Amino acid sequence: MRAALRADIPLVADRLRQAAATGTPCAPVRDLLGDSDIDMAYAVQTRVAESRVLAGARIVGRKIGLTSPAVQRQFGVFHPDFGMLFSDMLYASGEPVPLARFLQPRVEAEVAFVIARTIDNPDASVADVLRATEFVLAAIEIVDSRIADWDIRITDTIADNASSGAVVLGTTPYSLTGRDLAEVGMVLEHDGEKMSTGSGADCMGSPVTAVAWLAREVARRGRPLVEGEVVLSGALGPLVTVTGPGSYRATLDGMGSVDAVFVAGEQA
């Protein structure tokens, strides 16, 4: 496939924005980006993000994608990526989430980190992450794709803000002191039926390891993790497709539970 051209960036960004605005998924964008030009895909992601900020959105954090081997196998993509979280993407546990804002939603259970101080170090370690984390929360990420039928490869998902949709945060903070996140077990249920299981070890060995990877990547790209940001560290198990209104509960050992409650309509 041909190499991506910088002139393609606005074309790809416009295709993704149009899909989001109309609610109609678009064709994969790798026809313009190729399937390996990661830097160009992040340039598209940045351009779309800038347009959201100009429209009034506020960046409040980051998300890591493709950290779980199970999720990697689902899409045939074997490299983690990251995207941005915006203020209008955050919900609290149990708060109604309108289905109409999504195109093809799926859910996954994660550990969310709240950053207490900037990590501006392209060689950041897990020790840097532990020192910089104020607390962690149980979370459910609602992933979504503007690409039709989730037909994605690495450049598709990166350009599409790492296939982000929204995030539901638990309301009880937990300290990392004495806590091994690799050993945290997870169960994700839909209206009481078990749909997905996993553990912290399924997220790049530990969610802390995943956040250290992110800290290095974003510092190298000139936009480090900063105080107050929320970081979704990646899936602890397989994705679950959202088929309609209903409740999804993720329970994490020693970290309580979090509920994503989907309702019909555009507004809760």
Protein backbone atom coordinates (compact mmCIF):
# COMPACT_ATOMS: atom_id res chain seq x y z
CA MET A 1 0.00 0.00 0.00
CA ARG A 2 1.29 3.46 -0.85
CA ALA A 3 2.91 5.65 1.77
CA ALA A 4 0.64 8.21 3.40
CA LEU A 5 1.01 11.83 2.31
CA ARG A 6 0.70 14.77 4.68
CA ALA A 7 -1.99 16.15 2.36
CA ASP A 8 -4.13 13.14 3.30
CA ILE A 9 -4.41 14.25 6.94
CA PRO A 10 -7.34 16.66 6.42
CA LEU A 11 -9.09 14.17 4.14
CA VAL A 12 -8.91 11.42 6.77
CA ALA A 13 -9.91 13.80 9.56
CA ASP A 14 -12.92 14.99 7.58
CA ARG A 15 -14.02 11.42 6.87
CA LEU A 16 -13.94 10.56 10.58
CA ARG A 17 -15.68 13.79 11.63
CA GLN A 18 -18.42 13.22 9.07
CA ALA A 19 -19.01 9.69 10.34
CA ALA A 20 -19.32 10.96 13.91
CA ALA A 21 -21.61 13.84 12.92
CA THR A 22 -23.98 11.76 10.81
CA GLY A 23 -23.93 8.58 12.88
CA THR A 24 -23.00 6.62 9.77
CA PRO A 25 -19.75 4.62 9.98
CA CYS A 26 -17.23 5.23 7.23
CA ALA A 27 -14.85 3.07 5.23
CA PRO A 28 -11.45 2.27 6.80
CA VAL A 29 -9.03 5.17 6.54
CA ARG A 30 -6.01 3.00 5.83
CA ASP A 31 -6.80 3.43 2.13
CA LEU A 32 -5.33 6.93 2.58
CA LEU A 33 -2.94 6.35 5.49
CA GLY A 34 -1.63 2.93 4.65
CA ASP A 35 -1.59 0.28 7.35
CA SER A 36 1.73 1.05 9.07
CA ASP A 37 2.31 4.83 9.24
CA ILE A 38 1.64 5.29 12.95
CA ASP A 39 2.99 8.84 13.12
CA MET A 40 0.68 9.98 10.35
CA ALA A 41 -2.27 8.32 12.08
CA TYR A 42 -1.48 10.23 15.28
CA ALA A 43 -1.32 13.43 13.22
CA VAL A 44 -4.89 12.75 12.10
CA GLN A 45 -5.93 12.05 15.69
CA THR A 46 -4.44 15.40 16.76
CA ARG A 47 -6.21 17.27 13.98
CA VAL A 48 -9.61 15.81 14.94
CA ALA A 49 -8.91 16.56 18.61
CA GLU A 50 -8.03 20.17 17.80
CA SER A 51 -11.36 20.60 16.03
CA ARG A 52 -13.18 19.25 19.10
CA VAL A 53 -11.33 21.68 21.35
CA LEU A 54 -12.20 24.57 19.05
CA ALA A 55 -15.85 23.48 19.35
CA GLY A 56 -15.65 23.74 23.14
CA ALA A 57 -14.47 20.32 24.33
CA ARG A 58 -11.75 20.02 26.96
CA ILE A 59 -9.07 17.32 27.11
CA VAL A 60 -9.16 15.68 30.55
CA GLY A 61 -7.04 12.58 30.09
CA ARG A 62 -5.80 9.72 27.91
CA LYS A 63 -6.73 6.16 27.13
CA ILE A 64 -4.57 3.22 26.20
CA GLY A 65 -5.93 0.73 23.71
CA LEU A 66 -5.02 -2.74 22.53
CA THR A 67 -3.26 -3.78 25.73
CA SER A 68 -5.03 -7.10 26.22
CA PRO A 69 -3.99 -10.15 24.15
CA ALA A 70 -7.67 -11.10 23.93
CA VAL A 71 -8.59 -7.72 22.42
CA GLN A 72 -5.56 -7.79 20.13
CA ARG A 73 -6.70 -11.15 18.79
CA GLN A 74 -10.23 -9.79 18.25
CA PHE A 75 -8.89 -7.18 15.80
CA GLY A 76 -5.65 -8.68 14.55
CA VAL A 77 -3.74 -5.65 15.88
CA PHE A 78 -0.77 -6.45 18.10
CA HIS A 79 0.53 -3.07 19.21
CA PRO A 80 -0.89 -0.79 21.93
CA ASP A 81 -2.03 2.70 21.06
CA PHE A 82 -3.45 5.72 22.83
CA GLY A 83 -6.10 8.40 22.44
CA MET A 84 -7.50 11.41 24.27
CA LEU A 85 -10.36 11.71 26.75
CA PHE A 86 -12.62 14.75 26.57
CA SER A 87 -14.77 16.26 29.30
CA ASP A 88 -18.02 15.21 27.61
CA MET A 89 -16.91 11.56 27.62
CA LEU A 90 -16.94 11.08 31.41
CA TYR A 91 -19.83 9.50 33.30
CA ALA A 92 -20.13 8.39 36.92
CA SER A 93 -21.08 4.85 37.91
CA GLY A 94 -24.83 4.40 37.58
CA GLU A 95 -25.36 7.63 35.64
CA PRO A 96 -27.54 7.04 32.55
CA VAL A 97 -25.53 6.84 29.33
CA PRO A 98 -27.49 7.62 26.13
CA LEU A 99 -27.01 4.95 23.49
CA ALA A 100 -27.68 7.36 20.65
CA ARG A 101 -24.30 9.08 21.06
CA PHE A 102 -22.51 5.92 19.87
CA LEU A 103 -22.27 4.17 16.51
CA GLN A 104 -21.05 0.65 17.40
CA PRO A 105 -20.46 0.56 21.17
CA ARG A 106 -18.64 -2.13 23.08
CA VAL A 107 -17.55 -2.19 26.71
CA GLU A 108 -14.46 -3.33 28.57
CA ALA A 109 -13.40 -3.23 32.23
CA GLU A 110 -10.31 -1.24 33.18
CA VAL A 111 -8.38 0.43 35.96
CA ALA A 112 -8.40 4.24 35.73
CA PHE A 113 -5.45 6.21 37.12
CA VAL A 114 -5.77 9.80 38.35
CA ILE A 115 -2.45 11.59 37.94
CA ALA A 116 -1.22 13.83 40.78
CA ARG A 117 1.85 15.29 39.07
CA THR A 118 3.28 15.61 35.59
CA ILE A 119 5.39 12.77 34.16
CA ASP A 120 7.50 14.56 31.57
CA ASN A 121 10.08 11.85 31.03
CA PRO A 122 10.52 9.89 27.77
CA ASP A 123 12.20 7.16 29.84
CA ALA A 124 9.49 6.98 32.53
CA SER A 125 9.43 3.82 34.63
CA VAL A 126 6.77 2.07 36.67
CA ALA A 127 8.29 3.78 39.72
CA ASP A 128 7.58 7.17 38.12
CA VAL A 129 3.97 6.13 37.53
CA LEU A 130 3.53 4.88 41.09
CA ARG A 131 4.91 8.13 42.51
CA ALA A 132 2.73 10.25 40.22
CA THR A 133 -0.59 8.43 40.78
CA GLU A 134 -2.98 9.99 43.30
CA PHE A 135 -5.46 7.09 43.27
CA VAL A 136 -7.07 4.49 41.01
CA LEU A 137 -10.71 3.73 40.20
CA ALA A 138 -12.64 0.84 38.74
CA ALA A 139 -13.83 1.87 35.28
CA ILE A 140 -15.75 0.73 32.22
CA GLU A 141 -14.58 2.10 28.91
CA ILE A 142 -17.18 2.39 26.17
CA VAL A 143 -15.22 1.92 22.99
CA ASP A 144 -16.70 2.92 19.67
CA SER A 145 -15.56 3.02 16.08
CA ARG A 146 -16.36 5.42 13.30
CA ILE A 147 -15.08 2.68 10.95
CA ALA A 148 -17.81 0.46 9.52
CA ASP A 149 -18.09 -3.05 11.01
CA TRP A 150 -15.03 -2.43 13.23
CA ASP A 151 -12.88 -3.22 10.19
CA ILE A 152 -9.76 -1.72 11.73
CA ARG A 153 -6.01 -2.03 11.66
CA ILE A 154 -3.54 -0.01 13.70
CA THR A 155 -3.69 3.18 11.60
CA ASP A 156 -7.50 3.11 11.51
CA THR A 157 -7.89 2.95 15.26
CA ILE A 158 -5.15 5.47 16.05
CA ALA A 159 -6.59 8.04 13.64
CA ASP A 160 -10.02 7.41 15.17
CA ASN A 161 -8.79 8.47 18.64
CA ALA A 162 -7.99 4.86 19.57
CA SER A 163 -11.63 3.89 18.97
CA SER A 164 -12.82 5.90 21.95
CA GLY A 165 -16.42 6.52 22.97
CA ALA A 166 -16.83 7.33 26.65
CA VAL A 167 -15.83 6.14 30.11
CA VAL A 168 -17.79 5.33 33.25
CA LEU A 169 -15.78 5.88 36.41
CA GLY A 170 -16.27 4.22 39.77
CA THR A 171 -16.80 6.59 42.67
CA THR A 172 -14.53 5.03 45.30
CA PRO A 173 -10.82 5.91 45.08
CA TYR A 174 -8.16 3.34 46.01
CA SER A 175 -4.53 3.89 46.90
CA LEU A 176 -1.83 1.98 45.04
CA THR A 177 0.16 1.52 48.24
CA GLY A 178 0.58 -2.19 48.85
CA ARG A 179 -1.69 -3.06 45.90
CA ASP A 180 -0.51 -5.31 43.07
CA LEU A 181 -2.72 -4.45 40.12
CA ALA A 182 -1.43 -7.45 38.18
CA GLU A 183 -3.34 -9.67 40.61
CA VAL A 184 -6.66 -7.84 40.35
CA GLY A 185 -9.32 -10.17 38.96
CA MET A 186 -12.19 -8.82 36.86
CA VAL A 187 -15.71 -9.95 36.00
CA LEU A 188 -17.92 -8.01 33.58
CA GLU A 189 -21.65 -8.78 33.66
CA HIS A 190 -24.61 -7.70 31.56
CA ASP A 191 -27.86 -7.55 33.55
CA GLY A 192 -26.40 -10.16 35.91
CA GLU A 193 -25.02 -12.52 33.23
CA LYS A 194 -21.25 -13.01 33.16
CA MET A 195 -19.88 -11.82 29.81
CA SER A 196 -16.12 -11.30 30.24
CA THR A 197 -13.41 -12.19 32.73
CA GLY A 198 -9.76 -11.29 33.08
CA SER A 199 -7.14 -9.79 35.34
CA GLY A 200 -4.61 -7.02 35.66
CA ALA A 201 -1.98 -9.38 34.30
CA ASP A 202 -3.89 -9.40 30.99
CA CYS A 203 -3.11 -5.69 30.56
CA MET A 204 0.54 -5.72 29.43
CA GLY A 205 1.42 -7.69 32.56
CA SER A 206 0.04 -4.95 34.82
CA PRO A 207 -1.95 -1.73 34.33
CA VAL A 208 1.02 0.10 35.89
CA THR A 209 3.26 -1.19 33.09
CA ALA A 210 0.71 0.02 30.53
CA VAL A 211 0.63 3.53 32.01
CA ALA A 212 4.44 3.65 32.06
CA TRP A 213 4.39 2.79 28.35
CA LEU A 214 1.91 5.60 27.74
CA ALA A 215 3.92 8.09 29.81
CA ARG A 216 6.99 7.43 27.65
CA GLU A 217 5.07 7.61 24.37
CA VAL A 218 3.30 10.88 25.07
CA ALA A 219 6.40 12.52 26.57
CA ARG A 220 8.32 11.69 23.40
CA ARG A 221 5.54 13.29 21.37
CA GLY A 222 5.63 16.49 23.41
CA ARG A 223 2.36 16.13 25.34
CA PRO A 224 3.20 14.48 28.68
CA LEU A 225 0.74 13.24 31.28
CA VAL A 226 -0.11 16.13 33.58
CA GLU A 227 -1.60 16.69 37.01
CA GLY A 228 -5.31 15.95 37.19
CA GLU A 229 -5.55 13.80 34.08
CA VAL A 230 -7.52 10.56 34.07
CA VAL A 231 -5.75 7.66 32.36
CA LEU A 232 -7.56 4.53 31.25
CA SER A 233 -4.91 1.84 31.43
CA GLY A 234 -6.41 -0.73 29.05
CA ALA A 235 -8.75 -3.70 28.97
CA LEU A 236 -8.53 -6.46 31.55
CA GLY A 237 -10.43 -8.89 29.36
CA PRO A 238 -12.36 -9.32 26.09
CA LEU A 239 -14.67 -6.64 24.73
CA VAL A 240 -18.44 -7.09 25.03
CA THR A 241 -20.81 -5.74 22.37
CA VAL A 242 -23.59 -3.46 23.61
CA THR A 243 -26.81 -4.64 22.01
CA GLY A 244 -29.31 -2.21 23.52
CA PRO A 245 -30.39 -0.50 26.73
CA GLY A 246 -29.28 -2.27 29.87
CA SER A 247 -26.73 -2.38 32.65
CA TYR A 248 -23.13 -3.58 32.55
CA ARG A 249 -21.28 -4.07 35.84
CA ALA A 250 -17.53 -4.55 36.17
CA THR A 251 -16.29 -5.93 39.48
CA LEU A 252 -12.58 -5.69 40.23
CA ASP A 253 -11.10 -7.60 43.16
CA GLY A 254 -10.41 -5.23 46.03
CA MET A 255 -11.65 -2.23 44.02
CA GLY A 256 -15.41 -2.62 44.13
CA SER A 257 -17.65 -2.33 41.09
CA VAL A 258 -18.73 0.19 38.48
CA ASP A 259 -22.00 0.27 36.51
CA ALA A 260 -22.55 1.49 32.95
CA VAL A 261 -26.29 1.99 32.47
CA PHE A 262 -27.30 2.47 28.83
CA VAL A 263 -30.61 4.13 28.06
CA ALA A 264 -32.46 4.78 24.81
CA GLY A 265 -32.47 8.22 23.26
CA GLU A 266 -29.97 10.99 22.80
CA GLN A 267 -30.12 12.41 26.32
CA ALA A 268 -30.51 10.73 29.67
